[in-house]
Amino acid sequence: MRDAGAALAAALGPGDVVALRGPIGAGKTWLAGGLGRGLGLPAATRITSPTFTLLNIHQGGRLPFYHLDLYRLGGDAGLEALRALGLLEYLPSEDGVTAIEWLDLCPDAAPACWMEVAVEGTGDTPRTLVVRTAGPGAAARYAGALEAISVRARSARGR
């Protein structure tokens, strides 16, 4: 999971947004940790779920890494809460990469252009990553990231 996140992050740039979707325990936060590693965050950086803080900001890599969790903001009031808390500025950020967990609970917060990585499977079952893009120009914007994660998947199957 972390290796896939690191491969994906290597192809991401400022303003990119990656929605991480999957059930509790699927590995969304592990994937976010891989994104942080792929962005060059120091090895000592601990990537944890921002379920209660809503946003964790990580500096020290090639780009800032913004990690949002909307689990507690789902529903009709979610977008207004994000606006009131000033969190919409990270969707997208101008200078860094944003990973957002549980965007599906607050779909009105989705930026115009983004990538989604859905994690299928929990517990001891193998994980499957399903990647898609959304919004005008998203396929072109994220072509390199899609290729990076595709190459990672092919090399993992070849082992």
N, C-alpha and C. Protein backbone atom coordinates (compact mmCIF):
# COMPACT_ATOMS: atom_id res chain seq x y z
N MET A 1 0.82 -1.18 0.00
CA MET A 1 0.00 0.00 0.00
C MET A 1 0.88 1.26 0.00
N ARG A 2 1.87 1.25 0.88
CA ARG A 2 2.76 2.42 0.93
C ARG A 2 3.57 2.55 -0.35
N ASP A 3 4.01 1.42 -0.91
CA ASP A 3 4.78 1.49 -2.15
C ASP A 3 3.94 2.07 -3.29
N ALA A 4 2.68 1.69 -3.35
CA ALA A 4 1.79 2.23 -4.38
C ALA A 4 1.61 3.73 -4.18
N GLY A 5 1.43 4.16 -2.94
CA GLY A 5 1.30 5.59 -2.65
C GLY A 5 2.55 6.36 -3.03
N ALA A 6 3.72 5.78 -2.73
CA ALA A 6 4.99 6.45 -3.06
C ALA A 6 5.16 6.57 -4.58
N ALA A 7 4.81 5.51 -5.31
CA ALA A 7 4.90 5.56 -6.78
C ALA A 7 3.97 6.62 -7.34
N LEU A 8 2.78 6.69 -6.80
CA LEU A 8 1.81 7.69 -7.25
C LEU A 8 2.31 9.10 -6.97
N ALA A 9 2.82 9.33 -5.76
CA ALA A 9 3.25 10.67 -5.36
C ALA A 9 4.39 11.20 -6.22
N ALA A 10 5.23 10.30 -6.70
CA ALA A 10 6.36 10.74 -7.52
C ALA A 10 5.90 11.48 -8.77
N ALA A 11 4.67 11.22 -9.22
CA ALA A 11 4.15 11.85 -10.43
C ALA A 11 3.19 13.00 -10.14
N LEU A 12 3.00 13.35 -8.87
CA LEU A 12 2.06 14.42 -8.52
C LEU A 12 2.79 15.75 -8.38
N GLY A 13 2.03 16.82 -8.59
CA GLY A 13 2.60 18.16 -8.49
C GLY A 13 1.70 19.10 -7.72
N PRO A 14 2.12 20.37 -7.62
CA PRO A 14 1.33 21.35 -6.87
C PRO A 14 -0.10 21.44 -7.39
N GLY A 15 -1.03 21.45 -6.46
CA GLY A 15 -2.44 21.56 -6.81
C GLY A 15 -3.14 20.24 -7.04
N ASP A 16 -2.41 19.15 -7.03
CA ASP A 16 -3.04 17.85 -7.26
C ASP A 16 -3.80 17.40 -6.01
N VAL A 17 -4.94 16.77 -6.25
CA VAL A 17 -5.80 16.27 -5.18
C VAL A 17 -6.07 14.79 -5.43
N VAL A 18 -5.84 13.97 -4.39
CA VAL A 18 -6.09 12.54 -4.47
C VAL A 18 -7.10 12.18 -3.40
N ALA A 19 -8.27 11.73 -3.82
CA ALA A 19 -9.29 11.26 -2.88
C ALA A 19 -9.01 9.80 -2.58
N LEU A 20 -8.99 9.45 -1.31
CA LEU A 20 -8.76 8.07 -0.88
C LEU A 20 -10.08 7.52 -0.38
N ARG A 21 -10.58 6.48 -1.05
CA ARG A 21 -11.89 5.94 -0.72
C ARG A 21 -11.77 4.48 -0.33
N GLY A 22 -12.56 4.08 0.65
CA GLY A 22 -12.60 2.68 1.06
C GLY A 22 -13.20 2.59 2.45
N PRO A 23 -13.58 1.39 2.85
CA PRO A 23 -14.18 1.23 4.18
C PRO A 23 -13.15 1.45 5.29
N ILE A 24 -13.64 1.60 6.50
CA ILE A 24 -12.75 1.70 7.65
C ILE A 24 -11.88 0.44 7.68
N GLY A 25 -10.58 0.64 7.85
CA GLY A 25 -9.66 -0.47 7.93
C GLY A 25 -9.11 -0.95 6.59
N ALA A 26 -9.47 -0.27 5.51
CA ALA A 26 -9.00 -0.70 4.19
C ALA A 26 -7.54 -0.34 3.94
N GLY A 27 -7.07 0.72 4.56
CA GLY A 27 -5.68 1.13 4.36
C GLY A 27 -5.51 2.50 3.75
N LYS A 28 -6.54 3.34 3.84
CA LYS A 28 -6.45 4.69 3.28
C LYS A 28 -5.30 5.48 3.91
N THR A 29 -5.14 5.38 5.21
CA THR A 29 -4.08 6.12 5.88
C THR A 29 -2.71 5.54 5.54
N TRP A 30 -2.61 4.23 5.36
CA TRP A 30 -1.35 3.64 4.90
C TRP A 30 -0.99 4.18 3.52
N LEU A 31 -1.98 4.29 2.66
CA LEU A 31 -1.76 4.84 1.33
C LEU A 31 -1.31 6.29 1.43
N ALA A 32 -1.93 7.05 2.32
CA ALA A 32 -1.52 8.44 2.55
C ALA A 32 -0.07 8.49 3.03
N GLY A 33 0.32 7.55 3.87
CA GLY A 33 1.71 7.49 4.32
C GLY A 33 2.66 7.27 3.15
N GLY A 34 2.25 6.45 2.20
CA GLY A 34 3.05 6.25 1.01
C GLY A 34 3.14 7.50 0.16
N LEU A 35 2.04 8.24 0.08
CA LEU A 35 2.07 9.52 -0.65
C LEU A 35 3.10 10.45 0.00
N GLY A 36 3.07 10.53 1.33
CA GLY A 36 4.03 11.38 2.03
C GLY A 36 5.46 10.95 1.77
N ARG A 37 5.70 9.65 1.81
CA ARG A 37 7.05 9.14 1.54
C ARG A 37 7.46 9.47 0.10
N GLY A 38 6.54 9.30 -0.84
CA GLY A 38 6.83 9.60 -2.24
C GLY A 38 7.06 11.08 -2.50
N LEU A 39 6.52 11.92 -1.62
CA LEU A 39 6.76 13.37 -1.74
C LEU A 39 8.07 13.77 -1.05
N GLY A 40 8.76 12.79 -0.47
CA GLY A 40 10.06 13.06 0.12
C GLY A 40 10.03 13.54 1.56
N LEU A 41 8.93 13.29 2.27
CA LEU A 41 8.90 13.66 3.68
C LEU A 41 9.94 12.85 4.43
N PRO A 42 10.54 13.44 5.46
CA PRO A 42 11.55 12.71 6.23
C PRO A 42 10.99 11.39 6.77
N ALA A 43 11.85 10.38 6.86
CA ALA A 43 11.43 9.05 7.32
C ALA A 43 10.78 9.10 8.69
N ALA A 44 11.18 10.04 9.51
CA ALA A 44 10.62 10.13 10.87
C ALA A 44 9.22 10.74 10.89
N THR A 45 8.75 11.26 9.76
CA THR A 45 7.42 11.86 9.71
C THR A 45 6.37 10.77 9.88
N ARG A 46 5.51 10.97 10.85
CA ARG A 46 4.44 10.00 11.12
C ARG A 46 3.16 10.49 10.45
N ILE A 47 2.65 9.73 9.52
CA ILE A 47 1.40 10.07 8.84
C ILE A 47 0.28 9.33 9.56
N THR A 48 -0.59 10.07 10.21
CA THR A 48 -1.73 9.49 10.92
C THR A 48 -3.01 10.07 10.35
N SER A 49 -4.10 9.40 10.62
CA SER A 49 -5.39 9.87 10.13
C SER A 49 -5.80 11.14 10.88
N PRO A 50 -6.19 12.17 10.15
CA PRO A 50 -6.66 13.40 10.79
C PRO A 50 -8.16 13.37 11.11
N THR A 51 -8.66 12.23 11.55
CA THR A 51 -10.09 12.09 11.82
C THR A 51 -10.59 13.14 12.79
N PHE A 52 -9.82 13.43 13.82
CA PHE A 52 -10.27 14.40 14.84
C PHE A 52 -9.74 15.80 14.59
N THR A 53 -8.58 15.91 13.95
CA THR A 53 -8.02 17.24 13.67
C THR A 53 -8.51 17.78 12.33
N LEU A 54 -9.06 16.93 11.48
CA LEU A 54 -9.56 17.22 10.14
C LEU A 54 -8.46 17.44 9.11
N LEU A 55 -7.35 18.06 9.51
CA LEU A 55 -6.27 18.36 8.57
C LEU A 55 -4.93 18.19 9.26
N ASN A 56 -4.04 17.44 8.63
CA ASN A 56 -2.64 17.38 9.04
C ASN A 56 -1.82 17.97 7.91
N ILE A 57 -0.91 18.87 8.26
CA ILE A 57 -0.03 19.51 7.28
C ILE A 57 1.37 18.99 7.53
N HIS A 58 1.98 18.47 6.47
CA HIS A 58 3.34 17.92 6.57
C HIS A 58 4.25 18.72 5.63
N GLN A 59 5.33 19.24 6.18
CA GLN A 59 6.34 20.00 5.42
C GLN A 59 7.63 19.19 5.41
N GLY A 60 8.54 19.55 4.56
CA GLY A 60 9.87 18.94 4.57
C GLY A 60 10.15 18.05 3.38
N GLY A 61 9.18 17.84 2.52
CA GLY A 61 9.39 17.07 1.30
C GLY A 61 9.54 18.01 0.12
N ARG A 62 9.46 17.48 -1.08
CA ARG A 62 9.59 18.34 -2.26
C ARG A 62 8.40 19.27 -2.42
N LEU A 63 7.26 18.91 -1.81
CA LEU A 63 6.05 19.74 -1.78
C LEU A 63 5.38 19.56 -0.44
N PRO A 64 4.63 20.56 0.03
CA PRO A 64 3.82 20.33 1.23
C PRO A 64 2.78 19.25 0.96
N PHE A 65 2.44 18.52 2.01
CA PHE A 65 1.45 17.44 1.91
C PHE A 65 0.32 17.75 2.88
N TYR A 66 -0.88 17.93 2.34
CA TYR A 66 -2.07 18.25 3.12
C TYR A 66 -2.95 17.00 3.16
N HIS A 67 -3.25 16.53 4.35
CA HIS A 67 -4.02 15.30 4.53
C HIS A 67 -5.31 15.63 5.27
N LEU A 68 -6.42 15.56 4.56
CA LEU A 68 -7.74 15.87 5.11
C LEU A 68 -8.54 14.59 5.34
N ASP A 69 -9.39 14.62 6.35
CA ASP A 69 -10.31 13.51 6.63
C ASP A 69 -11.68 14.11 6.89
N LEU A 70 -12.65 13.77 6.05
CA LEU A 70 -13.99 14.35 6.14
C LEU A 70 -14.99 13.43 6.83
N TYR A 71 -14.51 12.37 7.47
CA TYR A 71 -15.41 11.40 8.08
C TYR A 71 -16.41 12.06 9.02
N ARG A 72 -15.97 13.00 9.82
CA ARG A 72 -16.85 13.66 10.80
C ARG A 72 -17.61 14.85 10.21
N LEU A 73 -17.35 15.16 8.95
CA LEU A 73 -18.03 16.31 8.33
C LEU A 73 -19.01 15.90 7.25
N GLY A 74 -19.30 14.63 7.14
CA GLY A 74 -20.20 14.16 6.09
C GLY A 74 -21.60 14.73 6.26
N GLY A 75 -22.36 14.65 5.22
CA GLY A 75 -23.74 15.13 5.26
C GLY A 75 -23.87 16.53 4.69
N ASP A 76 -25.07 17.05 4.79
CA ASP A 76 -25.39 18.34 4.19
C ASP A 76 -24.60 19.50 4.77
N ALA A 77 -24.24 19.44 6.04
CA ALA A 77 -23.52 20.53 6.68
C ALA A 77 -22.02 20.48 6.42
N GLY A 78 -21.53 19.42 5.80
CA GLY A 78 -20.10 19.24 5.60
C GLY A 78 -19.43 20.34 4.81
N LEU A 79 -20.02 20.73 3.70
CA LEU A 79 -19.42 21.77 2.87
C LEU A 79 -19.36 23.10 3.63
N GLU A 80 -20.42 23.44 4.32
CA GLU A 80 -20.42 24.68 5.10
C GLU A 80 -19.39 24.64 6.22
N ALA A 81 -19.23 23.49 6.85
CA ALA A 81 -18.22 23.35 7.90
C ALA A 81 -16.82 23.53 7.31
N LEU A 82 -16.56 22.93 6.16
CA LEU A 82 -15.26 23.10 5.51
C LEU A 82 -14.99 24.56 5.18
N ARG A 83 -16.03 25.22 4.68
CA ARG A 83 -15.90 26.65 4.34
C ARG A 83 -15.62 27.47 5.60
N ALA A 84 -16.39 27.23 6.67
CA ALA A 84 -16.23 27.99 7.91
C ALA A 84 -14.86 27.77 8.56
N LEU A 85 -14.32 26.57 8.41
CA LEU A 85 -13.02 26.25 8.99
C LEU A 85 -11.85 26.64 8.09
N GLY A 86 -12.13 27.14 6.90
CA GLY A 86 -11.08 27.54 5.98
C GLY A 86 -10.37 26.38 5.31
N LEU A 87 -10.99 25.22 5.27
CA LEU A 87 -10.34 24.04 4.72
C LEU A 87 -10.51 23.88 3.20
N LEU A 88 -11.44 24.63 2.62
CA LEU A 88 -11.62 24.51 1.16
C LEU A 88 -10.41 25.00 0.39
N GLU A 89 -9.57 25.81 1.01
CA GLU A 89 -8.38 26.31 0.32
C GLU A 89 -7.39 25.20 -0.03
N TYR A 90 -7.56 24.03 0.58
CA TYR A 90 -6.68 22.89 0.29
C TYR A 90 -7.24 22.00 -0.80
N LEU A 91 -8.38 22.38 -1.36
CA LEU A 91 -9.05 21.59 -2.41
C LEU A 91 -9.20 22.38 -3.70
N PRO A 92 -8.20 22.60 -4.47
CA PRO A 92 -6.82 22.17 -4.27
C PRO A 92 -6.00 23.26 -3.58
N SER A 93 -4.84 22.87 -3.10
CA SER A 93 -3.90 23.85 -2.57
C SER A 93 -3.10 24.39 -3.75
N GLU A 94 -2.52 25.56 -3.60
CA GLU A 94 -1.73 26.11 -4.70
C GLU A 94 -0.32 25.55 -4.72
N ASP A 95 0.18 25.16 -3.55
CA ASP A 95 1.60 24.82 -3.46
C ASP A 95 1.92 23.36 -3.18
N GLY A 96 0.91 22.56 -2.85
CA GLY A 96 1.21 21.20 -2.43
C GLY A 96 0.24 20.19 -2.98
N VAL A 97 0.35 18.98 -2.45
CA VAL A 97 -0.51 17.86 -2.82
C VAL A 97 -1.48 17.61 -1.67
N THR A 98 -2.75 17.41 -1.98
CA THR A 98 -3.77 17.14 -0.97
C THR A 98 -4.30 15.73 -1.13
N ALA A 99 -4.29 14.98 -0.02
CA ALA A 99 -4.96 13.68 0.03
C ALA A 99 -6.18 13.87 0.92
N ILE A 100 -7.31 13.37 0.47
CA ILE A 100 -8.54 13.58 1.22
C ILE A 100 -9.28 12.25 1.40
N GLU A 101 -9.46 11.87 2.65
CA GLU A 101 -10.20 10.65 2.97
C GLU A 101 -11.67 11.02 3.17
N TRP A 102 -12.54 10.12 2.74
CA TRP A 102 -13.99 10.24 2.91
C TRP A 102 -14.61 11.40 2.13
N LEU A 103 -14.04 11.74 0.98
CA LEU A 103 -14.66 12.75 0.12
C LEU A 103 -16.05 12.30 -0.30
N ASP A 104 -16.27 10.99 -0.39
CA ASP A 104 -17.57 10.48 -0.80
C ASP A 104 -18.68 10.83 0.19
N LEU A 105 -18.31 11.19 1.43
CA LEU A 105 -19.32 11.61 2.42
C LEU A 105 -19.68 13.09 2.30
N CYS A 106 -18.87 13.82 1.55
CA CYS A 106 -19.11 15.25 1.34
C CYS A 106 -18.76 15.59 -0.11
N PRO A 107 -19.48 15.00 -1.07
CA PRO A 107 -19.11 15.13 -2.48
C PRO A 107 -19.15 16.56 -3.01
N ASP A 108 -19.91 17.44 -2.38
CA ASP A 108 -19.95 18.83 -2.84
C ASP A 108 -18.63 19.55 -2.61
N ALA A 109 -17.75 18.97 -1.80
CA ALA A 109 -16.44 19.57 -1.55
C ALA A 109 -15.42 19.20 -2.62
N ALA A 110 -15.78 18.32 -3.53
CA ALA A 110 -14.83 17.88 -4.56
C ALA A 110 -14.36 19.05 -5.40
N PRO A 111 -13.06 19.11 -5.66
CA PRO A 111 -12.55 20.16 -6.54
C PRO A 111 -12.96 19.89 -7.99
N ALA A 112 -12.66 20.81 -8.87
CA ALA A 112 -13.05 20.65 -10.27
C ALA A 112 -12.32 19.48 -10.95
N CYS A 113 -11.12 19.18 -10.49
CA CYS A 113 -10.29 18.16 -11.13
C CYS A 113 -9.55 17.38 -10.04
N TRP A 114 -9.72 16.05 -10.05
CA TRP A 114 -9.08 15.25 -9.01
C TRP A 114 -8.94 13.81 -9.42
N MET A 115 -8.20 13.06 -8.62
CA MET A 115 -7.99 11.64 -8.84
C MET A 115 -8.51 10.90 -7.62
N GLU A 116 -9.10 9.74 -7.84
CA GLU A 116 -9.56 8.92 -6.73
C GLU A 116 -8.85 7.57 -6.75
N VAL A 117 -8.41 7.14 -5.57
CA VAL A 117 -7.86 5.80 -5.40
C VAL A 117 -8.77 5.10 -4.41
N ALA A 118 -9.52 4.12 -4.90
CA ALA A 118 -10.42 3.36 -4.04
C ALA A 118 -9.70 2.09 -3.60
N VAL A 119 -9.71 1.85 -2.30
CA VAL A 119 -9.07 0.66 -1.73
C VAL A 119 -10.18 -0.35 -1.45
N GLU A 120 -10.08 -1.50 -2.08
CA GLU A 120 -11.07 -2.55 -1.87
C GLU A 120 -10.43 -3.67 -1.05
N GLY A 121 -11.15 -4.12 -0.03
CA GLY A 121 -10.67 -5.18 0.85
C GLY A 121 -10.35 -4.63 2.23
N THR A 122 -10.54 -5.47 3.24
CA THR A 122 -10.20 -5.11 4.62
C THR A 122 -9.66 -6.35 5.33
N GLY A 123 -9.20 -6.14 6.55
CA GLY A 123 -8.72 -7.27 7.35
C GLY A 123 -7.55 -7.97 6.69
N ASP A 124 -7.60 -9.28 6.63
CA ASP A 124 -6.52 -10.07 6.07
C ASP A 124 -6.65 -10.31 4.57
N THR A 125 -7.68 -9.76 3.94
CA THR A 125 -7.86 -9.98 2.51
C THR A 125 -6.89 -9.10 1.72
N PRO A 126 -6.47 -9.56 0.55
CA PRO A 126 -5.61 -8.73 -0.30
C PRO A 126 -6.35 -7.46 -0.72
N ARG A 127 -5.61 -6.41 -0.93
CA ARG A 127 -6.20 -5.14 -1.34
C ARG A 127 -6.12 -4.99 -2.85
N THR A 128 -7.13 -4.34 -3.39
CA THR A 128 -7.15 -3.96 -4.79
C THR A 128 -7.33 -2.46 -4.84
N LEU A 129 -6.55 -1.79 -5.67
CA LEU A 129 -6.69 -0.35 -5.86
C LEU A 129 -7.38 -0.10 -7.19
N VAL A 130 -8.43 0.71 -7.15
CA VAL A 130 -9.15 1.11 -8.35
C VAL A 130 -8.96 2.61 -8.48
N VAL A 131 -8.37 3.02 -9.59
CA VAL A 131 -8.01 4.42 -9.78
C VAL A 131 -8.85 5.02 -10.89
N ARG A 132 -9.35 6.22 -10.65
CA ARG A 132 -10.10 6.94 -11.68
C ARG A 132 -9.84 8.43 -11.52
N THR A 133 -10.14 9.18 -12.54
CA THR A 133 -10.02 10.63 -12.48
C THR A 133 -11.40 11.24 -12.63
N ALA A 134 -11.55 12.47 -12.17
CA ALA A 134 -12.84 13.14 -12.26
C ALA A 134 -12.61 14.61 -12.59
N GLY A 135 -13.47 15.13 -13.43
CA GLY A 135 -13.43 16.54 -13.76
C GLY A 135 -12.80 16.82 -15.11
N PRO A 136 -13.08 18.00 -15.63
CA PRO A 136 -12.54 18.38 -16.94
C PRO A 136 -11.01 18.44 -16.91
N GLY A 137 -10.41 17.77 -17.84
CA GLY A 137 -8.95 17.77 -17.96
C GLY A 137 -8.24 16.84 -16.99
N ALA A 138 -8.98 16.13 -16.15
CA ALA A 138 -8.35 15.28 -15.13
C ALA A 138 -7.54 14.16 -15.74
N ALA A 139 -8.04 13.53 -16.79
CA ALA A 139 -7.31 12.41 -17.40
C ALA A 139 -5.95 12.86 -17.90
N ALA A 140 -5.89 14.03 -18.52
CA ALA A 140 -4.61 14.55 -19.00
C ALA A 140 -3.73 14.99 -17.85
N ARG A 141 -4.31 15.66 -16.87
CA ARG A 141 -3.52 16.16 -15.74
C ARG A 141 -2.87 15.02 -14.96
N TYR A 142 -3.60 13.94 -14.78
CA TYR A 142 -3.11 12.83 -13.96
C TYR A 142 -2.57 11.67 -14.76
N ALA A 143 -2.30 11.85 -16.05
CA ALA A 143 -1.81 10.77 -16.89
C ALA A 143 -0.52 10.17 -16.33
N GLY A 144 0.41 11.00 -15.91
CA GLY A 144 1.67 10.51 -15.36
C GLY A 144 1.46 9.72 -14.08
N ALA A 145 0.56 10.20 -13.23
CA ALA A 145 0.28 9.50 -11.98
C ALA A 145 -0.40 8.16 -12.25
N LEU A 146 -1.31 8.14 -13.22
CA LEU A 146 -1.97 6.88 -13.58
C LEU A 146 -0.95 5.88 -14.11
N GLU A 147 -0.02 6.35 -14.93
CA GLU A 147 1.02 5.47 -15.45
C GLU A 147 1.93 4.98 -14.32
N ALA A 148 2.28 5.85 -13.40
CA ALA A 148 3.17 5.46 -12.29
C ALA A 148 2.55 4.36 -11.44
N ILE A 149 1.29 4.49 -11.14
CA ILE A 149 0.65 3.47 -10.30
C ILE A 149 0.40 2.21 -11.12
N SER A 150 0.17 2.34 -12.41
CA SER A 150 -0.01 1.17 -13.28
C SER A 150 1.30 0.38 -13.38
N VAL A 151 2.42 1.07 -13.54
CA VAL A 151 3.72 0.41 -13.60
C VAL A 151 3.99 -0.29 -12.29
N ARG A 152 3.67 0.34 -11.18
CA ARG A 152 3.87 -0.26 -9.86
C ARG A 152 3.04 -1.54 -9.76
N ALA A 153 1.80 -1.51 -10.23
CA ALA A 153 0.93 -2.68 -10.15
C ALA A 153 1.49 -3.81 -11.02
N ARG A 154 1.96 -3.48 -12.22
CA ARG A 154 2.53 -4.52 -13.10
C ARG A 154 3.77 -5.14 -12.47
N SER A 155 4.65 -4.32 -11.88
CA SER A 155 5.87 -4.88 -11.30
C SER A 155 5.55 -5.72 -10.06
N ALA A 156 4.53 -5.37 -9.30
CA ALA A 156 4.15 -6.17 -8.13
C ALA A 156 3.62 -7.53 -8.57
N ARG A 157 2.88 -7.58 -9.67
CA ARG A 157 2.35 -8.84 -10.18
C ARG A 157 3.48 -9.73 -10.72
N GLY A 158 4.55 -9.10 -11.20
CA GLY A 158 5.64 -9.85 -11.79
C GLY A 158 6.56 -10.51 -10.79
N ARG A 159 6.40 -10.23 -9.51
CA ARG A 159 7.29 -10.81 -8.48
C ARG A 159 6.97 -12.24 -8.20
